[in-house]
C-alpha cells in the first residue's frame, strides 16, 4: 500500500485539484419517479442499468469555483491526502452552525488510487473534525447518476437522507440527474 499523509488542506494546494477531481464512470443510475396528488406525494429512486457505461468528466474548477473553494479551505476544516507531497485525495468541508452540520463540498480520491482505502481514511479525518467541533451530522451531496459515489458513501456509514428535484436546474428530473444528499450521523 502506498504511504499516504493526511494533513489540513491549504489554499496553496488547490492548484492540484484538477488532478484529483476528475469524474467517474458508471454502468447504472438511479431512475427518478415522482407521483403527486392532493393527498399524497411519492418520490422514489430505483437502481437501473444503463445501456452502456457512461463516463462523466468534471469541468467545474474554473477561477470562480477555485476562489469559492479557497474561502472554504481557509476555514481550516478541510483535509488533503498526499503521496510524496502530491495531492491524491481531498475533503473540502465547512461547518454550518445553524444546524450543527459539517458540509462536505468536495470529496474525491484520484482515480488511479481509488479502492485502496484512502477515501475511508480521509473520511475518518472528516468525522474527527466533526466530533472536535461538536457537530451532529456530516452532509455530502452527489448526483443520482453517480452510483459509485453513493455506494462509497454507504460503505463509509452514510445513508441517503434527502433528495432535491431542482437543485442543479429546473430540468433535473427531465435530465434524470437529481441531487442526492448522503448523511452520516455523529453519535
Protein backbone atom coordinates (compact mmCIF):
# COMPACT_ATOMS: atom_id res chain seq x y z
CA UNK A 1 0.00 0.00 0.00
CA UNK A 2 1.16 3.49 -0.84
CA UNK A 3 2.20 5.66 2.14
CA UNK A 4 -0.37 8.44 2.47
CA UNK A 5 -0.15 11.51 4.70
CA UNK A 6 -3.35 13.26 5.80
CA UNK A 7 -2.99 16.93 6.71
CA UNK A 8 -5.15 20.03 6.82
CA UNK A 9 -5.62 21.27 3.27
CA UNK A 10 -4.06 24.65 2.47
CA UNK A 11 -5.31 27.17 -0.07
CA UNK A 12 -1.94 26.99 -1.86
CA UNK A 13 -2.62 23.30 -2.64
CA UNK A 14 -5.87 23.95 -4.52
CA UNK A 15 -3.97 24.25 -7.81
CA UNK A 16 -3.61 20.44 -7.62
CA UNK A 17 -7.39 19.83 -7.52
CA UNK A 18 -7.85 19.13 -11.27
CA UNK A 19 -5.70 16.01 -10.90
CA UNK A 20 -7.99 14.71 -8.13
CA UNK A 21 -11.47 15.97 -9.09
CA UNK A 22 -11.81 14.27 -12.46
CA UNK A 23 -15.16 12.46 -12.66
CA UNK A 24 -16.48 8.91 -12.64
CA UNK A 25 -17.69 6.03 -14.76
CA UNK A 26 -20.93 4.19 -14.06
CA UNK A 27 -22.94 1.38 -15.64
CA UNK A 28 -26.04 2.23 -13.57
CA UNK A 29 -28.10 5.18 -12.39
CA UNK A 30 -30.97 5.83 -10.05
CA UNK A 31 -34.11 6.42 -12.08
CA UNK A 32 -36.41 9.04 -10.58
CA UNK A 33 -40.15 8.57 -10.27
CA UNK A 34 -42.43 11.24 -8.84
CA UNK A 35 -46.15 10.85 -8.31
CA UNK A 36 -48.17 13.71 -6.83
CA UNK A 37 -51.80 14.20 -5.92
CA UNK A 38 -53.72 16.30 -3.41
CA UNK A 39 -53.47 13.59 -0.77
CA UNK A 40 -50.05 12.07 -1.40
CA UNK A 41 -46.69 12.78 -2.93
CA UNK A 42 -44.23 9.95 -3.52
CA UNK A 43 -40.72 10.15 -4.91
CA UNK A 44 -38.70 7.03 -5.49
CA UNK A 45 -35.28 6.16 -6.82
CA UNK A 46 -34.69 2.80 -8.44
CA UNK A 47 -31.29 1.48 -9.48
CA UNK A 48 -31.36 0.61 -13.18
CA UNK A 49 -28.65 -0.49 -15.61
CA UNK A 50 -27.54 1.88 -18.36
CA UNK A 51 -27.45 0.60 -21.96
CA UNK A 52 -23.68 1.18 -21.84
CA UNK A 53 -21.30 2.60 -19.22
CA UNK A 54 -21.14 6.39 -19.01
CA UNK A 55 -18.11 8.47 -18.11
CA UNK A 56 -18.84 11.84 -16.54
CA UNK A 57 -15.99 14.33 -16.55
CA UNK A 58 -15.94 17.22 -14.12
CA UNK A 59 -15.07 20.60 -15.57
CA UNK A 60 -16.36 23.00 -12.92
CA UNK A 61 -12.99 24.07 -11.49
CA UNK A 62 -12.86 27.50 -13.09
CA UNK A 63 -11.39 30.57 -11.37
CA UNK A 64 -14.67 31.48 -9.68
CA UNK A 65 -15.12 27.97 -8.25
CA UNK A 66 -11.50 27.81 -7.07
CA UNK A 67 -11.98 31.17 -5.30
CA UNK A 68 -15.13 29.83 -3.61
CA UNK A 69 -13.31 26.68 -2.52
CA UNK A 70 -10.36 28.77 -1.28
CA UNK A 71 -12.74 30.59 1.07
CA UNK A 72 -13.99 27.26 2.41
CA UNK A 73 -10.49 25.82 2.79
CA UNK A 74 -9.40 28.96 4.67
CA UNK A 75 -11.89 27.99 7.42
CA UNK A 76 -9.48 25.18 8.37
CA UNK A 77 -11.82 22.17 8.31
CA UNK A 78 -10.68 20.63 5.01
CA UNK A 79 -8.31 17.68 4.70
CA UNK A 80 -5.91 16.57 1.99
CA UNK A 81 -4.40 13.16 1.33
CA UNK A 82 -0.85 13.32 -0.01
CA UNK A 83 1.61 10.86 -1.51
CA UNK A 84 5.11 12.35 -1.71
CA UNK A 85 3.59 15.84 -1.25
CA UNK A 86 1.28 15.28 -4.23
CA UNK A 87 -2.45 15.76 -3.54
CA UNK A 88 -4.27 12.44 -4.15
CA UNK A 89 -7.43 12.92 -2.10
CA UNK A 90 -9.48 15.79 -0.79
CA UNK A 91 -12.32 16.55 1.61
CA UNK A 92 -13.28 20.21 1.39
CA UNK A 93 -15.64 20.98 4.25
CA UNK A 94 -17.25 23.80 6.19
CA UNK A 95 -19.27 23.94 9.38
CA UNK A 96 -22.82 25.20 9.30
CA UNK A 97 -23.51 26.48 12.82
CA UNK A 98 -27.25 26.98 12.36
CA UNK A 99 -27.87 23.24 12.14
CA UNK A 100 -24.65 21.84 13.65
CA UNK A 101 -23.57 20.11 10.46
CA UNK A 102 -20.33 19.64 8.57
CA UNK A 103 -20.96 20.14 4.86
CA UNK A 104 -18.51 18.31 2.61
CA UNK A 105 -18.41 20.29 -0.64
CA UNK A 106 -15.87 18.11 -2.44
CA UNK A 107 -14.82 14.55 -1.56
CA UNK A 108 -12.57 12.83 -4.09
CA UNK A 109 -9.68 10.40 -4.46
CA UNK A 110 -7.51 10.47 -7.59
CA UNK A 111 -8.71 7.80 -9.98
CA UNK A 112 -5.57 5.61 -10.01
CA UNK A 113 -5.68 5.31 -6.21
CA UNK A 114 -9.39 4.59 -5.73
CA UNK A 115 -10.27 1.38 -3.92
CA UNK A 116 -7.14 1.42 -1.74
CA UNK A 117 -8.71 2.74 1.46
CA UNK A 118 -7.65 6.35 1.03
CA UNK A 119 -11.26 7.54 0.93
CA UNK A 120 -12.05 5.65 4.14
CA UNK A 121 -9.06 7.19 5.92
CA UNK A 122 -9.93 10.63 4.56
CA UNK A 123 -13.50 10.30 5.84
CA UNK A 124 -12.18 9.21 9.25
CA UNK A 125 -10.42 12.61 9.41
CA UNK A 126 -13.67 14.33 8.43
CA UNK A 127 -15.50 12.50 11.24
CA UNK A 128 -12.77 13.52 13.70
CA UNK A 129 -13.23 17.13 12.60
CA UNK A 130 -17.00 16.93 13.09
CA UNK A 131 -16.57 15.42 16.56
CA UNK A 132 -13.93 18.01 17.55
CA UNK A 133 -16.34 20.81 16.59
CA UNK A 134 -19.36 19.23 18.34
CA UNK A 135 -21.26 18.81 15.09
CA UNK A 136 -24.14 16.33 14.87
CA UNK A 137 -24.02 15.29 11.22
CA UNK A 138 -21.88 15.19 8.07
CA UNK A 139 -23.61 16.04 4.78
CA UNK A 140 -22.37 15.06 1.32
CA UNK A 141 -24.21 15.78 -1.94
CA UNK A 142 -23.90 13.85 -5.19
CA UNK A 143 -26.00 13.12 -8.26
CA UNK A 144 -28.47 10.26 -8.67
CA UNK A 145 -26.36 9.24 -11.66
CA UNK A 146 -23.20 8.93 -9.55
CA UNK A 147 -23.80 5.41 -8.31
CA UNK A 148 -20.10 4.85 -7.44
CA UNK A 149 -20.21 7.82 -5.02
CA UNK A 150 -23.50 6.69 -3.45
CA UNK A 151 -22.07 3.21 -2.90
CA UNK A 152 -18.84 4.65 -1.46
CA UNK A 153 -20.73 6.91 0.94
CA UNK A 154 -22.86 3.98 2.11
CA UNK A 155 -19.70 1.95 2.82
CA UNK A 156 -18.47 4.94 4.84
CA UNK A 157 -21.53 4.90 7.10
CA UNK A 158 -23.76 7.37 5.26
CA UNK A 159 -27.43 6.97 4.45
CA UNK A 160 -29.45 8.59 1.71
CA UNK A 161 -31.36 11.16 3.73
CA UNK A 162 -32.73 13.69 1.24
CA UNK A 163 -33.16 14.48 -2.44
CA UNK A 164 -33.71 17.75 -4.29
CA UNK A 165 -35.52 17.56 -7.61
CA UNK A 166 -34.35 21.02 -8.75
CA UNK A 167 -31.00 21.61 -7.04
CA UNK A 168 -28.99 21.99 -10.25
CA UNK A 169 -31.63 23.33 -12.66
CA UNK A 170 -35.37 23.39 -13.28
CA UNK A 171 -34.93 20.38 -15.59
CA UNK A 172 -33.15 18.00 -13.20
CA UNK A 173 -35.91 15.38 -13.30
CA UNK A 174 -36.12 15.52 -17.10
CA UNK A 175 -32.31 15.29 -17.32
CA UNK A 176 -32.50 12.31 -14.96
CA UNK A 177 -29.86 13.62 -12.58
CA UNK A 178 -31.08 15.00 -9.27
CA UNK A 179 -29.20 15.94 -6.10
CA UNK A 180 -28.88 13.17 -3.54
CA UNK A 181 -27.85 14.10 -0.01
CA UNK A 182 -26.00 11.44 1.91
CA UNK A 183 -25.67 11.94 5.66
CA UNK A 184 -23.68 10.38 8.45
CA UNK A 185 -24.94 10.96 11.95
CA UNK A 186 -22.35 11.60 14.66
CA UNK A 187 -23.13 9.71 17.89
